[in-house]
Amino acid sequence: MNVDNKINYIELPAKDISATKKFYSDTFFWEFTDYGSDYVAFSNAGLQGGFYQSELSSDAQTGSALVVLFSDSLESTLARVKENGGVINKEIFSFPGGRRFHFLDLSGNELAVWSDS
């Protein structure tokens, strides 16, 4: 696969790196590699990326890019998001091609999860 000029990595802010790692590993089964106390890289997420220490958050309502994850079981993923402290800010809705919901992680970053079923 040619990776030249393709999206390769994404970085998001995190108010609490430890809590962020726990949320994403418990909810989406991501894996982490620490690079000091202010940065952690994630893998096993489809696209690699990282979280950096910041009081900011990524919110599509203010113009940030929306990171969208895929799930084979939308309802069970929504339940795990809630169980691990995420806040659902858009309940499951249908769109051409599938269904999705939006949530805020523990740092206030908005992400979405979609399914084609």
Foldseek 3Di string as FASTA:
>chain_A
DDCPPHDAEDEWEDQAQVLQQCLCCQQVVWDWDDDPRFKIWIDPQVHTYIYGHDLDEADVVVPGDAAEGEDQDAVVSVVSCVVSPKAWPAPWDDDVQWIKTWIQHPSGYIYMYTYRD
